[in-house]
Amino acid sequence: VEGEFVYLAAPQAGYLETLDAARGTRVDAGAPVFALASDP
């Protein structure tokens, strides 16, 4: 069995503010996974 993984990244740099989904957890489509600081 082979898995095709999707690597989630943001197009801009920044400090990681939140990590909403931990390793091994299930997420629904559209659920937030992480967020970078958005002040600038």
PDB file of all heavy atoms in Angstrom:
ATOM      1  N   VAL A   1       0.857  -1.185   0.000  1.00  0.00           N
ATOM      2  CA  VAL A   1       0.000   0.000   0.000  1.00  0.00           C
ATOM      3  C   VAL A   1       0.892   1.234   0.000  1.00  0.00           C
ATOM      4  O   VAL A   1       1.872   1.312   0.756  1.00  0.00           O
ATOM      5  CB  VAL A   1      -0.927   0.016   1.236  1.00  0.00           C
ATOM      6  CG1 VAL A   1      -1.736   1.309   1.281  1.00  0.00           C
ATOM      7  CG2 VAL A   1      -1.846  -1.192   1.226  1.00  0.00           C
ATOM      8  N   GLU A   2       0.545   2.177  -0.821  1.00  0.00           N
ATOM      9  CA  GLU A   2       1.333   3.411  -0.930  1.00  0.00           C
ATOM     10  C   GLU A   2       0.446   4.604  -0.592  1.00  0.00           C
ATOM     11  O   GLU A   2      -0.747   4.622  -0.943  1.00  0.00           O
ATOM     12  CB  GLU A   2       1.861   3.555  -2.357  1.00  0.00           C
ATOM     13  CG  GLU A   2       2.589   4.852  -2.617  1.00  0.00           C
ATOM     14  CD  GLU A   2       2.984   4.989  -4.076  1.00  0.00           C
ATOM     15  OE1 GLU A   2       3.236   3.961  -4.727  1.00  0.00           O
ATOM     16  OE2 GLU A   2       3.016   6.125  -4.573  1.00  0.00           O
ATOM     17  N   GLY A   3       1.012   5.577   0.102  1.00  0.00           N
ATOM     18  CA  GLY A   3       0.281   6.804   0.430  1.00  0.00           C
ATOM     19  C   GLY A   3       0.852   7.991  -0.322  1.00  0.00           C
ATOM     20  O   GLY A   3       2.073   8.147  -0.418  1.00  0.00           O
ATOM     21  N   GLU A   4      -0.022   8.827  -0.865  1.00  0.00           N
ATOM     22  CA  GLU A   4       0.396  10.055  -1.537  1.00  0.00           C
ATOM     23  C   GLU A   4       0.157  11.217  -0.582  1.00  0.00           C
ATOM     24  O   GLU A   4      -0.980  11.625  -0.345  1.00  0.00           O
ATOM     25  CB  GLU A   4      -0.379  10.246  -2.840  1.00  0.00           C
ATOM     26  CG  GLU A   4      -0.052   9.196  -3.882  1.00  0.00           C
ATOM     27  CD  GLU A   4      -0.821   9.411  -5.172  1.00  0.00           C
ATOM     28  OE1 GLU A   4      -1.941   9.966  -5.109  1.00  0.00           O
ATOM     29  OE2 GLU A   4      -0.308   9.026  -6.234  1.00  0.00           O
ATOM     30  N   PHE A   5       1.230  11.739  -0.034  1.00  0.00           N
ATOM     31  CA  PHE A   5       1.150  12.748   1.011  1.00  0.00           C
ATOM     32  C   PHE A   5       1.079  14.147   0.411  1.00  0.00           C
ATOM     33  O   PHE A   5       1.679  14.428  -0.625  1.00  0.00           O
ATOM     34  CB  PHE A   5       2.351  12.641   1.944  1.00  0.00           C
ATOM     35  CG  PHE A   5       2.376  11.383   2.758  1.00  0.00           C
ATOM     36  CD1 PHE A   5       2.850  10.196   2.204  1.00  0.00           C
ATOM     37  CD2 PHE A   5       1.916  11.364   4.058  1.00  0.00           C
ATOM     38  CE1 PHE A   5       2.868   9.025   2.945  1.00  0.00           C
ATOM     39  CE2 PHE A   5       1.929  10.205   4.806  1.00  0.00           C
ATOM     40  CZ  PHE A   5       2.399   9.032   4.234  1.00  0.00           C
ATOM     41  N   VAL A   6       0.351  15.003   1.083  1.00  0.00           N
ATOM     42  CA  VAL A   6       0.256  16.412   0.710  1.00  0.00           C
ATOM     43  C   VAL A   6       1.012  17.215   1.772  1.00  0.00           C
ATOM     44  O   VAL A   6       0.715  17.111   2.962  1.00  0.00           O
ATOM     45  CB  VAL A   6      -1.210  16.872   0.632  1.00  0.00           C
ATOM     46  CG1 VAL A   6      -1.285  18.363   0.330  1.00  0.00           C
ATOM     47  CG2 VAL A   6      -1.953  16.083  -0.436  1.00  0.00           C
ATOM     48  N   TYR A   7       1.979  17.997   1.317  1.00  0.00           N
ATOM     49  CA  TYR A   7       2.796  18.783   2.236  1.00  0.00           C
ATOM     50  C   TYR A   7       2.249  20.212   2.285  1.00  0.00           C
ATOM     51  O   TYR A   7       2.217  20.907   1.268  1.00  0.00           O
ATOM     52  CB  TYR A   7       4.259  18.755   1.805  1.00  0.00           C
ATOM     53  CG  TYR A   7       4.874  17.399   2.011  1.00  0.00           C
ATOM     54  CD1 TYR A   7       4.710  16.392   1.056  1.00  0.00           C
ATOM     55  CD2 TYR A   7       5.572  17.102   3.172  1.00  0.00           C
ATOM     56  CE1 TYR A   7       5.240  15.125   1.250  1.00  0.00           C
ATOM     57  CE2 TYR A   7       6.119  15.837   3.371  1.00  0.00           C
ATOM     58  CZ  TYR A   7       5.941  14.850   2.411  1.00  0.00           C
ATOM     59  OH  TYR A   7       6.470  13.605   2.611  1.00  0.00           O
ATOM     60  N   LEU A   8       1.799  20.607   3.459  1.00  0.00           N
ATOM     61  CA  LEU A   8       1.114  21.882   3.640  1.00  0.00           C
ATOM     62  C   LEU A   8       2.107  22.973   4.018  1.00  0.00           C
ATOM     63  O   LEU A   8       2.859  22.831   4.988  1.00  0.00           O
ATOM     64  CB  LEU A   8       0.039  21.758   4.723  1.00  0.00           C
ATOM     65  CG  LEU A   8      -0.981  20.635   4.492  1.00  0.00           C
ATOM     66  CD1 LEU A   8      -1.959  20.587   5.649  1.00  0.00           C
ATOM     67  CD2 LEU A   8      -1.716  20.836   3.174  1.00  0.00           C
ATOM     68  N   ALA A   9       2.111  24.053   3.230  1.00  0.00           N
ATOM     69  CA  ALA A   9       3.036  25.159   3.453  1.00  0.00           C
ATOM     70  C   ALA A   9       2.330  26.472   3.145  1.00  0.00           C
ATOM     71  O   ALA A   9       1.321  26.504   2.430  1.00  0.00           O
ATOM     72  CB  ALA A   9       4.284  25.003   2.581  1.00  0.00           C
ATOM     73  N   ALA A  10       2.873  27.554   3.674  1.00  0.00           N
ATOM     74  CA  ALA A  10       2.369  28.907   3.392  1.00  0.00           C
ATOM     75  C   ALA A  10       3.289  29.575   2.380  1.00  0.00           C
ATOM     76  O   ALA A  10       4.504  29.334   2.392  1.00  0.00           O
ATOM     77  CB  ALA A  10       2.312  29.735   4.678  1.00  0.00           C
ATOM     78  N   PRO A  11       2.753  30.415   1.497  1.00  0.00           N
ATOM     79  CA  PRO A  11       3.602  31.049   0.489  1.00  0.00           C
ATOM     80  C   PRO A  11       4.498  32.150   1.034  1.00  0.00           C
ATOM     81  O   PRO A  11       5.387  32.615   0.331  1.00  0.00           O
ATOM     82  CB  PRO A  11       2.576  31.629  -0.506  1.00  0.00           C
ATOM     83  CG  PRO A  11       1.349  31.853   0.313  1.00  0.00           C
ATOM     84  CD  PRO A  11       1.329  30.756   1.331  1.00  0.00           C
ATOM     85  N   GLN A  12       4.274  32.572   2.289  1.00  0.00           N
ATOM     86  CA  GLN A  12       5.083  33.618   2.890  1.00  0.00           C
ATOM     87  C   GLN A  12       5.756  33.109   4.157  1.00  0.00           C
ATOM     88  O   GLN A  12       5.308  32.142   4.771  1.00  0.00           O
ATOM     89  CB  GLN A  12       4.224  34.833   3.235  1.00  0.00           C
ATOM     90  CG  GLN A  12       3.683  35.563   2.023  1.00  0.00           C
ATOM     91  CD  GLN A  12       2.853  36.755   2.437  1.00  0.00           C
ATOM     92  OE1 GLN A  12       1.705  36.619   2.842  1.00  0.00           O
ATOM     93  NE2 GLN A  12       3.442  37.927   2.353  1.00  0.00           N
ATOM     94  N   ALA A  13       6.848  33.782   4.513  1.00  0.00           N
ATOM     95  CA  ALA A  13       7.562  33.421   5.728  1.00  0.00           C
ATOM     96  C   ALA A  13       6.913  34.080   6.941  1.00  0.00           C
ATOM     97  O   ALA A  13       6.155  35.041   6.816  1.00  0.00           O
ATOM     98  CB  ALA A  13       9.023  33.842   5.618  1.00  0.00           C
ATOM     99  N   GLY A  14       7.220  33.551   8.112  1.00  0.00           N
ATOM    100  CA  GLY A  14       6.695  34.144   9.342  1.00  0.00           C
ATOM    101  C   GLY A  14       6.888  33.204  10.512  1.00  0.00           C
ATOM    102  O   GLY A  14       7.299  32.043  10.346  1.00  0.00           O
ATOM    103  N   TYR A  15       6.597  33.716  11.712  1.00  0.00           N
ATOM    104  CA  TYR A  15       6.660  32.889  12.911  1.00  0.00           C
ATOM    105  C   TYR A  15       5.401  32.030  13.006  1.00  0.00           C
ATOM    106  O   TYR A  15       4.296  32.517  12.754  1.00  0.00           O
ATOM    107  CB  TYR A  15       6.797  33.758  14.159  1.00  0.00           C
ATOM    108  CG  TYR A  15       8.166  34.378  14.312  1.00  0.00           C
ATOM    109  CD1 TYR A  15       8.387  35.708  13.967  1.00  0.00           C
ATOM    110  CD2 TYR A  15       9.240  33.635  14.794  1.00  0.00           C
ATOM    111  CE1 TYR A  15       9.640  36.286  14.092  1.00  0.00           C
ATOM    112  CE2 TYR A  15      10.498  34.200  14.918  1.00  0.00           C
ATOM    113  CZ  TYR A  15      10.691  35.527  14.569  1.00  0.00           C
ATOM    114  OH  TYR A  15      11.934  36.096  14.692  1.00  0.00           O
ATOM    115  N   LEU A  16       5.587  30.756  13.348  1.00  0.00           N
ATOM    116  CA  LEU A  16       4.443  29.869  13.512  1.00  0.00           C
ATOM    117  C   LEU A  16       3.680  30.292  14.766  1.00  0.00           C
ATOM    118  O   LEU A  16       4.203  30.226  15.875  1.00  0.00           O
ATOM    119  CB  LEU A  16       4.911  28.420  13.631  1.00  0.00           C
ATOM    120  CG  LEU A  16       3.802  27.367  13.733  1.00  0.00           C
ATOM    121  CD1 LEU A  16       2.913  27.401  12.501  1.00  0.00           C
ATOM    122  CD2 LEU A  16       4.395  25.973  13.927  1.00  0.00           C
ATOM    123  N   GLU A  17       2.452  30.712  14.558  1.00  0.00           N
ATOM    124  CA  GLU A  17       1.640  31.208  15.678  1.00  0.00           C
ATOM    125  C   GLU A  17       0.858  30.085  16.342  1.00  0.00           C
ATOM    126  O   GLU A  17       0.853  29.968  17.567  1.00  0.00           O
ATOM    127  CB  GLU A  17       0.697  32.300  15.177  1.00  0.00           C
ATOM    128  CG  GLU A  17      -0.064  33.007  16.280  1.00  0.00           C
ATOM    129  CD  GLU A  17      -0.804  34.223  15.754  1.00  0.00           C
ATOM    130  OE1 GLU A  17      -1.641  34.050  14.846  1.00  0.00           O
ATOM    131  OE2 GLU A  17      -0.532  35.343  16.239  1.00  0.00           O
ATOM    132  N   THR A  18       0.166  29.271  15.548  1.00  0.00           N
ATOM    133  CA  THR A  18      -0.608  28.167  16.108  1.00  0.00           C
ATOM    134  C   THR A  18      -0.415  26.922  15.260  1.00  0.00           C
ATOM    135  O   THR A  18      -0.250  27.001  14.041  1.00  0.00           O
ATOM    136  CB  THR A  18      -2.111  28.501  16.158  1.00  0.00           C
ATOM    137  OG1 THR A  18      -2.593  28.757  14.831  1.00  0.00           O
ATOM    138  CG2 THR A  18      -2.368  29.715  17.038  1.00  0.00           C
ATOM    139  N   LEU A  19      -0.437  25.781  15.917  1.00  0.00           N
ATOM    140  CA  LEU A  19      -0.432  24.485  15.254  1.00  0.00           C
ATOM    141  C   LEU A  19      -1.721  23.801  15.688  1.00  0.00           C
ATOM    142  O   LEU A  19      -1.812  23.248  16.783  1.00  0.00           O
ATOM    143  CB  LEU A  19       0.801  23.667  15.654  1.00  0.00           C
ATOM    144  CG  LEU A  19       1.016  22.349  14.907  1.00  0.00           C
ATOM    145  CD1 LEU A  19       1.183  22.588  13.408  1.00  0.00           C
ATOM    146  CD2 LEU A  19       2.247  21.627  15.455  1.00  0.00           C
ATOM    147  N   ASP A  20      -2.735  23.864  14.831  1.00  0.00           N
ATOM    148  CA  ASP A  20      -4.086  23.460  15.231  1.00  0.00           C
ATOM    149  C   ASP A  20      -4.331  21.964  15.132  1.00  0.00           C
ATOM    150  O   ASP A  20      -5.292  21.460  15.716  1.00  0.00           O
ATOM    151  CB  ASP A  20      -5.117  24.188  14.356  1.00  0.00           C
ATOM    152  CG  ASP A  20      -4.967  25.701  14.459  1.00  0.00           C
ATOM    153  OD1 ASP A  20      -5.273  26.244  15.529  1.00  0.00           O
ATOM    154  OD2 ASP A  20      -4.522  26.323  13.483  1.00  0.00           O
ATOM    155  N   ALA A  21      -3.510  21.242  14.395  1.00  0.00           N
ATOM    156  CA  ALA A  21      -3.695  19.801  14.229  1.00  0.00           C
ATOM    157  C   ALA A  21      -2.385  19.094  14.552  1.00  0.00           C
ATOM    158  O   ALA A  21      -1.379  19.300  13.864  1.00  0.00           O
ATOM    159  CB  ALA A  21      -4.148  19.466  12.810  1.00  0.00           C
ATOM    160  N   ALA A  22      -2.383  18.282  15.597  1.00  0.00           N
ATOM    161  CA  ALA A  22      -1.173  17.575  16.003  1.00  0.00           C
ATOM    162  C   ALA A  22      -0.947  16.348  15.120  1.00  0.00           C
ATOM    163  O   ALA A  22      -1.843  15.880  14.420  1.00  0.00           O
ATOM    164  CB  ALA A  22      -1.289  17.157  17.475  1.00  0.00           C
ATOM    165  N   ARG A  23       0.246  15.856  15.153  1.00  0.00           N
ATOM    166  CA  ARG A  23       0.597  14.664  14.390  1.00  0.00           C
ATOM    167  C   ARG A  23      -0.266  13.483  14.819  1.00  0.00           C
ATOM    168  O   ARG A  23      -0.472  13.232  16.007  1.00  0.00           O
ATOM    169  CB  ARG A  23       2.077  14.333  14.614  1.00  0.00           C
ATOM    170  CG  ARG A  23       2.562  13.112  13.877  1.00  0.00           C
ATOM    171  CD  ARG A  23       4.034  12.905  14.109  1.00  0.00           C
ATOM    172  NE  ARG A  23       4.338  12.728  15.529  1.00  0.00           N
ATOM    173  CZ  ARG A  23       5.559  12.582  16.024  1.00  0.00           C
ATOM    174  NH1 ARG A  23       6.603  12.634  15.209  1.00  0.00           N
ATOM    175  NH2 ARG A  23       5.744  12.406  17.306  1.00  0.00           N
ATOM    176  N   GLY A  24      -0.812  12.767  13.834  1.00  0.00           N
ATOM    177  CA  GLY A  24      -1.626  11.598  14.102  1.00  0.00           C
ATOM    178  C   GLY A  24      -3.115  11.877  14.251  1.00  0.00           C
ATOM    179  O   GLY A  24      -3.898  10.939  14.383  1.00  0.00           O
ATOM    180  N   THR A  25      -3.509  13.142  14.228  1.00  0.00           N
ATOM    181  CA  THR A  25      -4.928  13.473  14.366  1.00  0.00           C
ATOM    182  C   THR A  25      -5.606  13.529  13.004  1.00  0.00           C
ATOM    183  O   THR A  25      -4.963  13.766  11.986  1.00  0.00           O
ATOM    184  CB  THR A  25      -5.110  14.828  15.072  1.00  0.00           C
ATOM    185  OG1 THR A  25      -4.450  15.847  14.301  1.00  0.00           O
ATOM    186  CG2 THR A  25      -4.507  14.784  16.457  1.00  0.00           C
ATOM    187  N   ARG A  26      -6.917  13.313  13.014  1.00  0.00           N
ATOM    188  CA  ARG A  26      -7.689  13.403  11.792  1.00  0.00           C
ATOM    189  C   ARG A  26      -8.261  14.818  11.652  1.00  0.00           C
ATOM    190  O   ARG A  26      -8.590  15.471  12.642  1.00  0.00           O
ATOM    191  CB  ARG A  26      -8.838  12.391  11.796  1.00  0.00           C
ATOM    192  CG  ARG A  26      -8.387  10.969  11.503  1.00  0.00           C
ATOM    193  CD  ARG A  26      -9.593  10.078  11.230  1.00  0.00           C
ATOM    194  NE  ARG A  26     -10.446  10.624  10.191  1.00  0.00           N
ATOM    195  CZ  ARG A  26     -10.194  10.524   8.880  1.00  0.00           C
ATOM    196  NH1 ARG A  26      -9.111   9.902   8.457  1.00  0.00           N
ATOM    197  NH2 ARG A  26     -11.027  11.051   7.992  1.00  0.00           N
ATOM    198  N   VAL A  27      -8.355  15.278  10.414  1.00  0.00           N
ATOM    199  CA  VAL A  27      -8.908  16.594  10.138  1.00  0.00           C
ATOM    200  C   VAL A  27      -9.920  16.469   9.009  1.00  0.00           C
ATOM    201  O   VAL A  27      -9.822  15.582   8.152  1.00  0.00           O
ATOM    202  CB  VAL A  27      -7.807  17.606   9.752  1.00  0.00           C
ATOM    203  CG1 VAL A  27      -6.887  17.883  10.917  1.00  0.00           C
ATOM    204  CG2 VAL A  27      -7.005  17.112   8.556  1.00  0.00           C
ATOM    205  N   ASP A  28     -10.902  17.352   9.035  1.00  0.00           N
ATOM    206  CA  ASP A  28     -11.874  17.433   7.946  1.00  0.00           C
ATOM    207  C   ASP A  28     -11.393  18.415   6.894  1.00  0.00           C
ATOM    208  O   ASP A  28     -10.528  19.257   7.154  1.00  0.00           O
ATOM    209  CB  ASP A  28     -13.234  17.868   8.482  1.00  0.00           C
ATOM    210  CG  ASP A  28     -13.833  16.864   9.450  1.00  0.00           C
ATOM    211  OD1 ASP A  28     -13.612  15.645   9.233  1.00  0.00           O
ATOM    212  OD2 ASP A  28     -14.500  17.287  10.419  1.00  0.00           O
ATOM    213  N   ALA A  29     -11.944  18.313   5.721  1.00  0.00           N
ATOM    214  CA  ALA A  29     -11.604  19.261   4.658  1.00  0.00           C
ATOM    215  C   ALA A  29     -11.978  20.670   5.094  1.00  0.00           C
ATOM    216  O   ALA A  29     -13.074  20.916   5.588  1.00  0.00           O
ATOM    217  CB  ALA A  29     -12.336  18.889   3.370  1.00  0.00           C
ATOM    218  N   GLY A  30     -11.045  21.618   4.934  1.00  0.00           N
ATOM    219  CA  GLY A  30     -11.281  22.998   5.334  1.00  0.00           C
ATOM    220  C   GLY A  30     -10.936  23.312   6.770  1.00  0.00           C
ATOM    221  O   GLY A  30     -11.008  24.477   7.172  1.00  0.00           O
ATOM    222  N   ALA A  31     -10.554  22.302   7.559  1.00  0.00           N
ATOM    223  CA  ALA A  31     -10.198  22.549   8.955  1.00  0.00           C
ATOM    224  C   ALA A  31      -8.816  23.210   9.011  1.00  0.00           C
ATOM    225  O   ALA A  31      -7.909  22.838   8.266  1.00  0.00           O
ATOM    226  CB  ALA A  31     -10.180  21.244   9.742  1.00  0.00           C
ATOM    227  N   PRO A  32      -8.627  24.211   9.900  1.00  0.00           N
ATOM    228  CA  PRO A  32      -7.311  24.855  10.005  1.00  0.00           C
ATOM    229  C   PRO A  32      -6.259  23.877  10.521  1.00  0.00           C
ATOM    230  O   PRO A  32      -6.508  23.111  11.447  1.00  0.00           O
ATOM    231  CB  PRO A  32      -7.547  25.997  10.992  1.00  0.00           C
ATOM    232  CG  PRO A  32      -8.750  25.589  11.776  1.00  0.00           C
ATOM    233  CD  PRO A  32      -9.603  24.785  10.845  1.00  0.00           C
ATOM    234  N   VAL A  33      -5.090  23.927   9.911  1.00  0.00           N
ATOM    235  CA  VAL A  33      -3.980  23.065  10.323  1.00  0.00           C
ATOM    236  C   VAL A  33      -2.926  23.870  11.081  1.00  0.00           C
ATOM    237  O   VAL A  33      -2.428  23.449  12.115  1.00  0.00           O
ATOM    238  CB  VAL A  33      -3.354  22.365   9.103  1.00  0.00           C
ATOM    239  CG1 VAL A  33      -2.151  21.515   9.516  1.00  0.00           C
ATOM    240  CG2 VAL A  33      -4.393  21.487   8.411  1.00  0.00           C
ATOM    241  N   PHE A  34      -2.587  25.048  10.571  1.00  0.00           N
ATOM    242  CA  PHE A  34      -1.637  25.916  11.274  1.00  0.00           C
ATOM    243  C   PHE A  34      -1.824  27.344  10.771  1.00  0.00           C
ATOM    244  O   PHE A  34      -2.483  27.592   9.755  1.00  0.00           O
ATOM    245  CB  PHE A  34      -0.189  25.461  11.071  1.00  0.00           C
ATOM    246  CG  PHE A  34       0.331  25.640   9.667  1.00  0.00           C
ATOM    247  CD1 PHE A  34       0.968  26.811   9.280  1.00  0.00           C
ATOM    248  CD2 PHE A  34       0.191  24.634   8.724  1.00  0.00           C
ATOM    249  CE1 PHE A  34       1.430  26.982   7.992  1.00  0.00           C
ATOM    250  CE2 PHE A  34       0.664  24.784   7.440  1.00  0.00           C
ATOM    251  CZ  PHE A  34       1.293  25.971   7.066  1.00  0.00           C
ATOM    252  N   ALA A  35      -1.243  28.291  11.509  1.00  0.00           N
ATOM    253  CA  ALA A  35      -1.326  29.702  11.138  1.00  0.00           C
ATOM    254  C   ALA A  35      -0.011  30.386  11.480  1.00  0.00           C
ATOM    255  O   ALA A  35       0.594  30.118  12.524  1.00  0.00           O
ATOM    256  CB  ALA A  35      -2.489  30.397  11.855  1.00  0.00           C
ATOM    257  N   LEU A  36       0.438  31.266  10.587  1.00  0.00           N
ATOM    258  CA  LEU A  36       1.615  32.088  10.830  1.00  0.00           C
ATOM    259  C   LEU A  36       1.176  33.448  11.366  1.00  0.00           C
ATOM    260  O   LEU A  36       0.059  33.903  11.121  1.00  0.00           O
ATOM    261  CB  LEU A  36       2.417  32.277   9.542  1.00  0.00           C
ATOM    262  CG  LEU A  36       2.914  31.009   8.846  1.00  0.00           C
ATOM    263  CD1 LEU A  36       3.736  31.378   7.618  1.00  0.00           C
ATOM    264  CD2 LEU A  36       3.735  30.143   9.795  1.00  0.00           C
ATOM    265  N   ALA A  37       2.066  34.100  12.124  1.00  0.00           N
ATOM    266  CA  ALA A  37       1.766  35.432  12.652  1.00  0.00           C
ATOM    267  C   ALA A  37       1.464  36.377  11.498  1.00  0.00           C
ATOM    268  O   ALA A  37       2.184  36.418  10.494  1.00  0.00           O
ATOM    269  CB  ALA A  37       2.946  35.947  13.476  1.00  0.00           C
ATOM    270  N   SER A  38       0.393  37.151  11.630  1.00  0.00           N
ATOM    271  CA  SER A  38      -0.088  37.973  10.513  1.00  0.00           C
ATOM    272  C   SER A  38       0.064  39.473  10.747  1.00  0.00           C
ATOM    273  O   SER A  38      -0.473  40.267   9.965  1.00  0.00           O
ATOM    274  CB  SER A  38      -1.566  37.660  10.260  1.00  0.00           C
ATOM    275  OG  SER A  38      -2.334  37.926  11.422  1.00  0.00           O
ATOM    276  N   ASP A  39       0.789  39.898  11.790  1.00  0.00           N
ATOM    277  CA  ASP A  39       0.873  41.325  12.110  1.00  0.00           C
ATOM    278  C   ASP A  39       1.376  42.185  10.949  1.00  0.00           C
ATOM    279  O   ASP A  39       0.724  43.173  10.590  1.00  0.00           O
ATOM    280  CB  ASP A  39       1.770  41.538  13.338  1.00  0.00           C
ATOM    281  CG  ASP A  39       1.155  40.927  14.593  1.00  0.00           C
ATOM    282  OD1 ASP A  39      -0.049  40.628  14.552  1.00  0.00           O
ATOM    283  OD2 ASP A  39       1.874  40.739  15.571  1.00  0.00           O
ATOM    284  N   PRO A  40       2.515  41.873  10.321  1.00  0.00           N
ATOM    285  CA  PRO A  40       2.984  42.755   9.235  1.00  0.00           C
ATOM    286  C   PRO A  40       1.994  42.836   8.082  1.00  0.00           C
ATOM    287  O   PRO A  40       1.774  43.916   7.514  1.00  0.00           O
ATOM    288  CB  PRO A  40       4.307  42.100   8.804  1.00  0.00           C
ATOM    289  CG  PRO A  40       4.722  41.257   9.958  1.00  0.00           C
ATOM    290  CD  PRO A  40       3.443  40.779  10.569  1.00  0.00           C
TER     291      PRO A  40
END
